[in-house]
Amino acid sequence: MKGERAYIGVGSNLGKRIDHCQKAMETISRLPGITGMVRSSLYETAPVPPASGGWFVNGVASAETTLPPQVLLRELQRIEHVMGRPAVRARGEDRSIDLDLLLVGSHVVERPDLVLPHPRLHLRRFVLVPLCELAPDLRHPVLGLTMRELLDCLDDPSHVRMLARAAHPATTA
């Protein structure tokens, strides 16, 4: 079965933030139906709105998947739970791990439990910077703009600074 490329936002603002992000990406890479993972560098960003846990570490992981988007989302939620994230939490609340399914191929989904592409992807510098590192020419399936074009026209004053460069440059998009 031919897979589709999925893009997953990874973030943490509690505890050993870099370790949490790296562990989550490693766990995702071992899921059945996931192959060829590439990872962006990790970046530090101020939380919006400000959170008591402090600045976030963010990155993006990308992999080929044969999992349907709903199944992949459930697996990401399971990983969050195993890593200590409560199943129910207030929006903007601090978290040891946050996994967002950003894109899966060119899927456009609007369901109560899943919206693809992620509804705020194009508004978040902390997502677009690492996404552009992996796939600057990837087109948003609804807006029709590339990730680089979205980043270039973004009206978001937040700062994103690199913390840990990816071990291997991304070669697939």
C-alpha atoms as a PDB file:
ATOM      1  CA  MET A   1       0.000   0.000   0.000  1.00  0.00           C
ATOM      2  CA  LYS A   2       1.448   3.370  -1.022  1.00  0.00           C
ATOM      3  CA  GLY A   3       1.885   5.809   1.800  1.00  0.00           C
ATOM      4  CA  GLU A   4       1.321   9.522   2.071  1.00  0.00           C
ATOM      5  CA  ARG A   5       3.622  12.045   3.689  1.00  0.00           C
ATOM      6  CA  ALA A   6       2.402  13.280   7.068  1.00  0.00           C
ATOM      7  CA  TYR A   7       3.686  16.332   8.929  1.00  0.00           C
ATOM      8  CA  ILE A   8       3.449  16.425  12.710  1.00  0.00           C
ATOM      9  CA  GLY A   9       4.100  19.413  14.951  1.00  0.00           C
ATOM     10  CA  VAL A  10       5.932  18.534  18.154  1.00  0.00           C
ATOM     11  CA  GLY A  11       6.191  20.825  21.182  1.00  0.00           C
ATOM     12  CA  SER A  12       6.889  20.913  24.922  1.00  0.00           C
ATOM     13  CA  ASN A  13       7.135  23.624  27.587  1.00  0.00           C
ATOM     14  CA  LEU A  14       7.480  21.562  30.764  1.00  0.00           C
ATOM     15  CA  GLY A  15      10.400  19.637  32.194  1.00  0.00           C
ATOM     16  CA  LYS A  16      13.119  18.387  29.859  1.00  0.00           C
ATOM     17  CA  ARG A  17      11.574  19.990  26.782  1.00  0.00           C
ATOM     18  CA  ILE A  18      14.164  18.873  24.217  1.00  0.00           C
ATOM     19  CA  ASP A  19      14.169  15.323  25.591  1.00  0.00           C
ATOM     20  CA  HIS A  20      10.351  15.189  25.459  1.00  0.00           C
ATOM     21  CA  CYS A  21      10.309  16.311  21.814  1.00  0.00           C
ATOM     22  CA  GLN A  22      13.063  13.891  20.791  1.00  0.00           C
ATOM     23  CA  LYS A  23      11.394  10.976  22.623  1.00  0.00           C
ATOM     24  CA  ALA A  24       8.044  11.736  20.968  1.00  0.00           C
ATOM     25  CA  MET A  25       9.602  11.845  17.488  1.00  0.00           C
ATOM     26  CA  GLU A  26      11.474   8.602  18.141  1.00  0.00           C
ATOM     27  CA  THR A  27       8.252   6.942  19.338  1.00  0.00           C
ATOM     28  CA  ILE A  28       6.361   8.164  16.246  1.00  0.00           C
ATOM     29  CA  SER A  29       9.117   6.790  13.984  1.00  0.00           C
ATOM     30  CA  ARG A  30       8.556   3.302  15.448  1.00  0.00           C
ATOM     31  CA  LEU A  31       4.795   3.205  14.847  1.00  0.00           C
ATOM     32  CA  PRO A  32       3.601   0.485  12.473  1.00  0.00           C
ATOM     33  CA  GLY A  33       2.794   2.144   9.153  1.00  0.00           C
ATOM     34  CA  ILE A  34       5.415   4.905   9.597  1.00  0.00           C
ATOM     35  CA  THR A  35       8.622   4.957   7.518  1.00  0.00           C
ATOM     36  CA  GLY A  36      11.237   7.404   6.304  1.00  0.00           C
ATOM     37  CA  MET A  37      10.963   9.938   9.095  1.00  0.00           C
ATOM     38  CA  VAL A  38      12.842  13.201   8.807  1.00  0.00           C
ATOM     39  CA  ARG A  39      13.000  15.745  11.618  1.00  0.00           C
ATOM     40  CA  SER A  40      13.447  19.468  11.624  1.00  0.00           C
ATOM     41  CA  SER A  41      15.790  21.257  13.945  1.00  0.00           C
ATOM     42  CA  LEU A  42      14.311  22.158  17.319  1.00  0.00           C
ATOM     43  CA  TYR A  43      13.356  25.768  18.006  1.00  0.00           C
ATOM     44  CA  GLU A  44      12.476  27.748  21.100  1.00  0.00           C
ATOM     45  CA  THR A  45       9.452  30.046  21.026  1.00  0.00           C
ATOM     46  CA  ALA A  46       7.543  32.177  23.486  1.00  0.00           C
ATOM     47  CA  PRO A  47       4.160  30.711  24.428  1.00  0.00           C
ATOM     48  CA  VAL A  48       1.063  32.464  23.081  1.00  0.00           C
ATOM     49  CA  PRO A  49      -0.646  33.356  25.345  1.00  0.00           C
ATOM     50  CA  PRO A  50       2.104  33.408  28.006  1.00  0.00           C
ATOM     51  CA  ALA A  51       2.164  30.172  30.014  1.00  0.00           C
ATOM     52  CA  SER A  52       3.566  29.484  33.466  1.00  0.00           C
ATOM     53  CA  GLY A  53       5.668  26.593  32.153  1.00  0.00           C
ATOM     54  CA  GLY A  54       7.796  28.902  30.071  1.00  0.00           C
ATOM     55  CA  TRP A  55       9.004  28.913  26.503  1.00  0.00           C
ATOM     56  CA  PHE A  56       8.207  26.083  24.152  1.00  0.00           C
ATOM     57  CA  VAL A  57      10.548  23.831  22.242  1.00  0.00           C
ATOM     58  CA  ASN A  58       8.990  23.096  18.846  1.00  0.00           C
ATOM     59  CA  GLY A  59       9.829  21.105  15.758  1.00  0.00           C
ATOM     60  CA  VAL A  60       8.219  19.187  12.930  1.00  0.00           C
ATOM     61  CA  ALA A  61       8.531  15.510  12.058  1.00  0.00           C
ATOM     62  CA  SER A  62       7.607  14.168   8.644  1.00  0.00           C
ATOM     63  CA  ALA A  63       7.175  10.561   7.564  1.00  0.00           C
ATOM     64  CA  GLU A  64       5.526   8.346   5.017  1.00  0.00           C
ATOM     65  CA  THR A  65       2.471   6.667   6.502  1.00  0.00           C
ATOM     66  CA  THR A  66      -0.014   4.068   5.414  1.00  0.00           C
ATOM     67  CA  LEU A  67      -2.201   4.916   8.402  1.00  0.00           C
ATOM     68  CA  PRO A  68      -5.461   6.752   7.686  1.00  0.00           C
ATOM     69  CA  PRO A  69      -5.380  10.279   9.186  1.00  0.00           C
ATOM     70  CA  GLN A  70      -7.875   9.408  11.962  1.00  0.00           C
ATOM     71  CA  VAL A  71      -5.793   6.403  13.021  1.00  0.00           C
ATOM     72  CA  LEU A  72      -2.585   8.442  12.971  1.00  0.00           C
ATOM     73  CA  LEU A  73      -4.245  11.110  15.127  1.00  0.00           C
ATOM     74  CA  ARG A  74      -5.346   8.476  17.659  1.00  0.00           C
ATOM     75  CA  GLU A  75      -1.769   7.129  17.786  1.00  0.00           C
ATOM     76  CA  LEU A  76      -0.415  10.638  18.411  1.00  0.00           C
ATOM     77  CA  GLN A  77      -2.949  11.141  21.202  1.00  0.00           C
ATOM     78  CA  ARG A  78      -1.931   7.794  22.702  1.00  0.00           C
ATOM     79  CA  ILE A  79       1.735   8.860  22.671  1.00  0.00           C
ATOM     80  CA  GLU A  80       0.790  12.138  24.376  1.00  0.00           C
ATOM     81  CA  HIS A  81      -1.099  10.215  27.057  1.00  0.00           C
ATOM     82  CA  VAL A  82       1.781   7.770  27.650  1.00  0.00           C
ATOM     83  CA  MET A  83       4.146  10.755  27.955  1.00  0.00           C
ATOM     84  CA  GLY A  84       1.968  12.288  30.690  1.00  0.00           C
ATOM     85  CA  ARG A  85      -0.319  14.695  28.901  1.00  0.00           C
ATOM     86  CA  PRO A  86      -3.813  14.701  30.431  1.00  0.00           C
ATOM     87  CA  ALA A  87      -6.603  13.644  28.074  1.00  0.00           C
ATOM     88  CA  VAL A  88      -8.571  16.776  28.959  1.00  0.00           C
ATOM     89  CA  ARG A  89      -6.873  20.125  29.427  1.00  0.00           C
ATOM     90  CA  ALA A  90      -7.591  23.798  28.926  1.00  0.00           C
ATOM     91  CA  ARG A  91      -6.467  25.422  25.668  1.00  0.00           C
ATOM     92  CA  GLY A  92      -3.041  27.004  26.123  1.00  0.00           C
ATOM     93  CA  GLU A  93      -2.275  25.009  29.262  1.00  0.00           C
ATOM     94  CA  ASP A  94       1.327  23.963  29.864  1.00  0.00           C
ATOM     95  CA  ARG A  95       2.251  20.511  28.626  1.00  0.00           C
ATOM     96  CA  SER A  96       5.144  18.106  28.611  1.00  0.00           C
ATOM     97  CA  ILE A  97       4.281  17.099  25.041  1.00  0.00           C
ATOM     98  CA  ASP A  98       2.001  18.401  22.324  1.00  0.00           C
ATOM     99  CA  LEU A  99       1.597  16.548  19.029  1.00  0.00           C
ATOM    100  CA  ASP A 100      -0.400  18.207  16.254  1.00  0.00           C
ATOM    101  CA  LEU A 101      -1.255  16.465  13.004  1.00  0.00           C
ATOM    102  CA  LEU A 102      -0.566  19.287  10.549  1.00  0.00           C
ATOM    103  CA  LEU A 103      -0.953  17.703   7.106  1.00  0.00           C
ATOM    104  CA  VAL A 104      -1.421  14.257   5.594  1.00  0.00           C
ATOM    105  CA  GLY A 105      -0.857  14.281   1.845  1.00  0.00           C
ATOM    106  CA  SER A 106      -3.391  16.613   0.308  1.00  0.00           C
ATOM    107  CA  HIS A 107      -6.220  15.503   2.610  1.00  0.00           C
ATOM    108  CA  VAL A 108      -8.802  18.110   3.525  1.00  0.00           C
ATOM    109  CA  VAL A 109     -10.883  16.903   6.475  1.00  0.00           C
ATOM    110  CA  GLU A 110     -13.405  18.781   8.606  1.00  0.00           C
ATOM    111  CA  ARG A 111     -14.732  16.584  11.388  1.00  0.00           C
ATOM    112  CA  PRO A 112     -15.339  17.257  15.067  1.00  0.00           C
ATOM    113  CA  ASP A 113     -12.331  15.073  15.969  1.00  0.00           C
ATOM    114  CA  LEU A 114      -9.975  16.008  13.108  1.00  0.00           C
ATOM    115  CA  VAL A 115      -9.376  19.023  10.886  1.00  0.00           C
ATOM    116  CA  LEU A 116      -6.794  18.812   8.093  1.00  0.00           C
ATOM    117  CA  PRO A 117      -4.831  20.753   7.290  1.00  0.00           C
ATOM    118  CA  HIS A 118      -4.396  21.951  10.861  1.00  0.00           C
ATOM    119  CA  PRO A 119      -6.638  25.040  11.103  1.00  0.00           C
ATOM    120  CA  ARG A 120      -3.924  27.315  12.554  1.00  0.00           C
ATOM    121  CA  LEU A 121      -0.896  25.973  10.680  1.00  0.00           C
ATOM    122  CA  HIS A 122      -0.675  29.055   8.425  1.00  0.00           C
ATOM    123  CA  LEU A 123      -0.842  31.426  11.418  1.00  0.00           C
ATOM    124  CA  ARG A 124       1.975  29.975  13.511  1.00  0.00           C
ATOM    125  CA  ARG A 125       5.602  30.955  12.997  1.00  0.00           C
ATOM    126  CA  PHE A 126       6.698  28.168  15.364  1.00  0.00           C
ATOM    127  CA  VAL A 127       5.140  25.655  12.951  1.00  0.00           C
ATOM    128  CA  LEU A 128       6.052  27.285   9.643  1.00  0.00           C
ATOM    129  CA  VAL A 129       9.756  27.788  10.411  1.00  0.00           C
ATOM    130  CA  PRO A 130      10.502  24.077  11.036  1.00  0.00           C
ATOM    131  CA  LEU A 131       8.029  23.043   8.320  1.00  0.00           C
ATOM    132  CA  CYS A 132       9.900  25.227   5.819  1.00  0.00           C
ATOM    133  CA  GLU A 133      13.123  23.551   6.884  1.00  0.00           C
ATOM    134  CA  LEU A 134      11.656  20.212   5.757  1.00  0.00           C
ATOM    135  CA  ALA A 135       9.384  21.175   2.856  1.00  0.00           C
ATOM    136  CA  PRO A 136       9.465  24.834   1.785  1.00  0.00           C
ATOM    137  CA  ASP A 137       7.777  24.061  -1.546  1.00  0.00           C
ATOM    138  CA  LEU A 138       4.959  21.986  -0.040  1.00  0.00           C
ATOM    139  CA  ARG A 139       1.596  23.532  -0.967  1.00  0.00           C
ATOM    140  CA  HIS A 140      -1.153  24.101   1.556  1.00  0.00           C
ATOM    141  CA  PRO A 141      -4.044  22.010   0.143  1.00  0.00           C
ATOM    142  CA  VAL A 142      -6.653  24.711   0.859  1.00  0.00           C
ATOM    143  CA  LEU A 143      -4.797  28.012   0.549  1.00  0.00           C
ATOM    144  CA  GLY A 144      -2.696  26.937  -2.450  1.00  0.00           C
ATOM    145  CA  LEU A 145       0.430  28.714  -1.182  1.00  0.00           C
ATOM    146  CA  THR A 146       3.735  27.018  -0.397  1.00  0.00           C
ATOM    147  CA  MET A 147       4.944  26.821   3.186  1.00  0.00           C
ATOM    148  CA  ARG A 148       7.670  29.375   2.289  1.00  0.00           C
ATOM    149  CA  GLU A 149       5.048  31.767   0.867  1.00  0.00           C
ATOM    150  CA  LEU A 150       2.926  31.362   3.992  1.00  0.00           C
ATOM    151  CA  LEU A 151       5.933  32.116   6.208  1.00  0.00           C
ATOM    152  CA  ASP A 152       6.986  35.096   4.082  1.00  0.00           C
ATOM    153  CA  CYS A 153       3.557  36.737   4.356  1.00  0.00           C
ATOM    154  CA  LEU A 154       2.952  35.799   8.004  1.00  0.00           C
ATOM    155  CA  ASP A 155       1.870  38.597  10.324  1.00  0.00           C
ATOM    156  CA  ASP A 156       3.194  37.062  13.538  1.00  0.00           C
ATOM    157  CA  PRO A 157       5.727  39.059  15.564  1.00  0.00           C
ATOM    158  CA  SER A 158       6.835  36.074  17.667  1.00  0.00           C
ATOM    159  CA  HIS A 159      10.484  35.064  17.707  1.00  0.00           C
ATOM    160  CA  VAL A 160      11.674  31.574  16.854  1.00  0.00           C
ATOM    161  CA  ARG A 161      15.283  30.684  17.610  1.00  0.00           C
ATOM    162  CA  MET A 162      17.078  27.468  16.758  1.00  0.00           C
ATOM    163  CA  LEU A 163      18.114  25.364  19.744  1.00  0.00           C
ATOM    164  CA  ALA A 164      19.260  22.082  18.269  1.00  0.00           C
ATOM    165  CA  ARG A 165      20.090  21.611  14.603  1.00  0.00           C
ATOM    166  CA  ALA A 166      18.676  18.487  12.963  1.00  0.00           C
ATOM    167  CA  ALA A 167      21.262  15.689  12.918  1.00  0.00           C
ATOM    168  CA  HIS A 168      20.676  15.020   9.234  1.00  0.00           C
ATOM    169  CA  PRO A 169      19.381  17.578   6.762  1.00  0.00           C
ATOM    170  CA  ALA A 170      15.987  16.750   5.317  1.00  0.00           C
ATOM    171  CA  THR A 171      16.230  15.257   1.848  1.00  0.00           C
ATOM    172  CA  THR A 172      12.590  14.394   1.257  1.00  0.00           C
ATOM    173  CA  ALA A 173       9.497  16.525   1.147  1.00  0.00           C
END
